[in-house]
Amino acid sequence: MISEERLIELQEFIVMPRGVYTYLHNTERKENAEDIMLNGFHFEGYLDYTTDQISGIELIELKYFFHQRGRYGRYTVILQIAQALINKYSAMASDSRIHFSEILSQSAALNAESGETTYILPPQFTRGYFDQDKGKIFENNLFNPALDLEVFNDNVKFLKQNKQK
């Protein structure tokens, strides 16, 4: 069980940047968390299939997350994306069935063995990770929640051409 003091430290870390949407993802291995910080977060379908969006403002929200998702691993990856960036690309895709998380992939989407499409969120959207056993936060030096890559515009064009309305 994570101490109240450590949860408060994590909460303060999460709410520090304003104007971002925050997503949490648990993983079993430290190596996975570190790989996500360096190479990006791989996900199938939509971002919210393997993450939980939280505000971080209410401590009970973090307690609930750890209660519900604790079995998925001891390392909690914190993803944060600027609200302005999500709003920009959501508006560009508003006339389609495209989700912003499909657009914010740093490389072309790949088809996974499961039949789902796999995307890679850039490592700059990873704020860091929290080691639940040690109660320690590891920050990502690459973190830049407002990063707007040219490939995102390319993704909008590609997805609009290839995804049914």
Protein backbone atom coordinates (compact mmCIF):
# COMPACT_ATOMS: atom_id res chain seq x y z
CA MET A 1 0.00 0.00 0.00
CA ILE A 2 1.28 3.44 -0.92
CA SER A 3 1.58 5.86 1.98
CA GLU A 4 -0.55 8.99 2.09
CA GLU A 5 2.63 11.09 2.04
CA ARG A 6 3.84 9.46 -1.19
CA LEU A 7 0.42 9.84 -2.80
CA ILE A 8 0.45 13.55 -1.98
CA GLU A 9 3.93 13.88 -3.53
CA LEU A 10 2.68 12.13 -6.66
CA GLN A 11 -0.42 14.32 -6.74
CA GLU A 12 1.73 17.47 -6.52
CA PHE A 13 3.91 16.17 -9.35
CA ILE A 14 0.88 15.44 -11.53
CA VAL A 15 -0.90 18.78 -11.05
CA MET A 16 2.23 20.94 -11.40
CA PRO A 17 1.91 21.66 -15.14
CA ARG A 18 -1.35 23.45 -15.89
CA GLY A 19 -3.28 23.04 -19.10
CA VAL A 20 -2.56 19.35 -19.65
CA TYR A 21 -4.60 16.18 -19.75
CA THR A 22 -3.11 13.44 -17.59
CA TYR A 23 -3.20 9.70 -18.25
CA LEU A 24 -1.83 6.94 -16.03
CA HIS A 25 -0.65 3.50 -17.08
CA ASN A 26 0.72 0.74 -14.85
CA THR A 27 3.37 -1.70 -15.99
CA GLU A 28 5.03 -4.62 -14.21
CA ARG A 29 8.64 -3.89 -15.12
CA LYS A 30 10.84 -0.88 -14.48
CA GLU A 31 12.46 -1.47 -17.88
CA ASN A 32 9.08 -0.93 -19.57
CA ALA A 33 8.58 2.39 -17.78
CA GLU A 34 12.07 3.54 -18.74
CA ASP A 35 11.56 2.43 -22.35
CA ILE A 36 8.34 4.46 -22.55
CA MET A 37 10.24 7.55 -21.33
CA LEU A 38 12.91 7.09 -24.01
CA ASN A 39 10.99 5.68 -26.98
CA GLY A 40 7.34 6.55 -26.48
CA PHE A 41 4.17 4.82 -25.34
CA HIS A 42 2.85 2.06 -27.62
CA PHE A 43 -0.89 1.53 -27.52
CA GLU A 44 -3.53 -0.23 -29.55
CA GLY A 45 -6.72 1.41 -30.74
CA TYR A 46 -7.18 4.46 -28.56
CA LEU A 47 -5.10 5.87 -25.74
CA ASP A 48 -7.84 5.29 -23.19
CA TYR A 49 -7.86 1.53 -23.88
CA THR A 50 -4.71 1.10 -21.75
CA THR A 51 -4.64 4.28 -19.66
CA ASP A 52 -6.87 6.07 -17.19
CA GLN A 53 -7.42 9.78 -17.57
CA ILE A 54 -7.34 11.63 -14.26
CA SER A 55 -7.33 15.24 -13.15
CA GLY A 56 -5.01 14.55 -10.22
CA ILE A 57 -6.66 17.32 -8.23
CA GLU A 58 -8.49 14.98 -5.86
CA LEU A 59 -6.36 12.55 -3.88
CA ILE A 60 -9.23 10.05 -3.85
CA GLU A 61 -8.83 9.79 -7.63
CA LEU A 62 -5.26 8.50 -7.23
CA LYS A 63 -6.30 6.13 -4.45
CA TYR A 64 -9.04 4.74 -6.68
CA PHE A 65 -6.63 4.33 -9.60
CA PHE A 66 -4.15 2.35 -7.49
CA HIS A 67 -6.94 0.27 -5.99
CA GLN A 68 -8.39 -0.58 -9.41
CA ARG A 69 -5.18 -0.82 -11.47
CA GLY A 70 -2.61 -1.93 -8.90
CA ARG A 71 -2.63 -5.49 -10.19
CA TYR A 72 -1.30 -4.31 -13.57
CA GLY A 73 2.10 -3.38 -12.19
CA ARG A 74 4.17 -1.50 -9.65
CA TYR A 75 5.37 1.22 -12.02
CA THR A 76 2.95 3.99 -12.91
CA VAL A 77 3.75 5.91 -16.09
CA ILE A 78 2.46 9.49 -16.15
CA LEU A 79 1.52 10.75 -19.61
CA GLN A 80 0.60 14.41 -20.06
CA ILE A 81 -0.48 16.16 -23.24
CA ALA A 82 -1.26 19.86 -23.60
CA GLN A 83 -4.98 20.54 -23.72
CA ALA A 84 -4.41 23.05 -26.54
CA LEU A 85 -2.73 20.35 -28.64
CA ILE A 86 -5.54 17.86 -28.09
CA ASN A 87 -8.15 20.54 -28.81
CA LYS A 88 -6.35 21.56 -32.02
CA TYR A 89 -6.26 18.06 -33.47
CA SER A 90 -9.71 17.12 -32.19
CA ALA A 91 -11.08 20.15 -34.05
CA MET A 92 -9.22 19.16 -37.22
CA ALA A 93 -10.82 15.72 -37.02
CA SER A 94 -14.27 16.80 -35.87
CA ASP A 95 -15.88 15.91 -39.20
CA SER A 96 -14.62 12.32 -39.00
CA ARG A 97 -14.42 9.32 -36.68
CA ILE A 98 -10.77 10.01 -35.91
CA HIS A 99 -9.67 10.18 -32.27
CA PHE A 100 -6.93 12.61 -31.25
CA SER A 101 -4.79 9.75 -29.94
CA GLU A 102 -4.61 8.30 -33.46
CA ILE A 103 -3.25 11.62 -34.70
CA LEU A 104 -0.60 12.06 -32.00
CA SER A 105 1.42 9.04 -33.12
CA GLN A 106 5.09 9.75 -33.81
CA SER A 107 5.18 7.22 -36.63
CA ALA A 108 2.80 5.59 -39.04
CA ALA A 109 0.28 3.30 -37.44
CA LEU A 110 1.10 -0.38 -37.51
CA ASN A 111 -1.22 -3.36 -37.51
CA ALA A 112 -0.68 -5.52 -34.45
CA GLU A 113 -1.04 -9.28 -34.30
CA SER A 114 -4.30 -8.72 -32.44
CA GLY A 115 -5.76 -6.98 -35.48
CA GLU A 116 -5.81 -3.62 -33.70
CA THR A 117 -3.87 -0.65 -34.98
CA THR A 118 -0.81 0.27 -32.91
CA TYR A 119 0.26 3.87 -32.32
CA ILE A 120 3.29 5.38 -30.59
CA LEU A 121 2.84 8.45 -28.43
CA PRO A 122 6.10 10.46 -28.50
CA PRO A 123 8.34 10.18 -25.41
CA GLN A 124 7.96 13.94 -24.86
CA PHE A 125 4.41 13.27 -23.63
CA THR A 126 5.74 11.07 -20.82
CA ARG A 127 6.20 13.16 -17.68
CA GLY A 128 7.89 10.32 -15.85
CA TYR A 129 7.00 7.29 -13.79
CA PHE A 130 6.28 6.45 -10.17
CA ASP A 131 7.88 3.44 -8.47
CA GLN A 132 5.15 2.31 -6.07
CA ASP A 133 7.47 0.11 -3.99
CA LYS A 134 10.03 2.85 -3.37
CA GLY A 135 7.52 5.70 -3.44
CA LYS A 136 9.85 7.55 -5.81
CA ILE A 137 9.15 9.64 -8.90
CA PHE A 138 11.48 9.46 -11.91
CA GLU A 139 11.19 12.48 -14.21
CA ASN A 140 11.62 12.39 -17.98
CA ASN A 141 14.12 14.98 -19.21
CA LEU A 142 12.51 14.86 -22.67
CA PHE A 143 9.10 15.95 -21.31
CA ASN A 144 7.35 18.56 -23.48
CA PRO A 145 3.54 18.24 -23.35
CA ALA A 146 3.02 20.89 -26.06
CA LEU A 147 5.26 19.21 -28.65
CA ASP A 148 3.59 19.59 -32.05
CA LEU A 149 5.28 17.42 -34.66
CA GLU A 150 4.74 17.83 -38.40
CA VAL A 151 3.89 14.13 -38.56
CA PHE A 152 0.68 14.92 -36.64
CA ASN A 153 -0.58 16.97 -39.60
CA ASP A 154 0.44 14.15 -41.92
CA ASN A 155 -1.50 11.72 -39.72
CA VAL A 156 -4.65 13.86 -39.99
CA LYS A 157 -4.44 13.82 -43.78
CA PHE A 158 -3.70 10.10 -43.93
CA LEU A 159 -6.44 9.14 -41.48
CA LYS A 160 -9.05 11.31 -43.20
CA GLN A 161 -8.23 9.63 -46.51
CA ASN A 162 -8.19 6.10 -45.14
CA LYS A 163 -10.74 5.98 -42.34
CA GLN A 164 -14.44 5.71 -43.00
CA LYS A 165 -16.69 8.47 -41.70
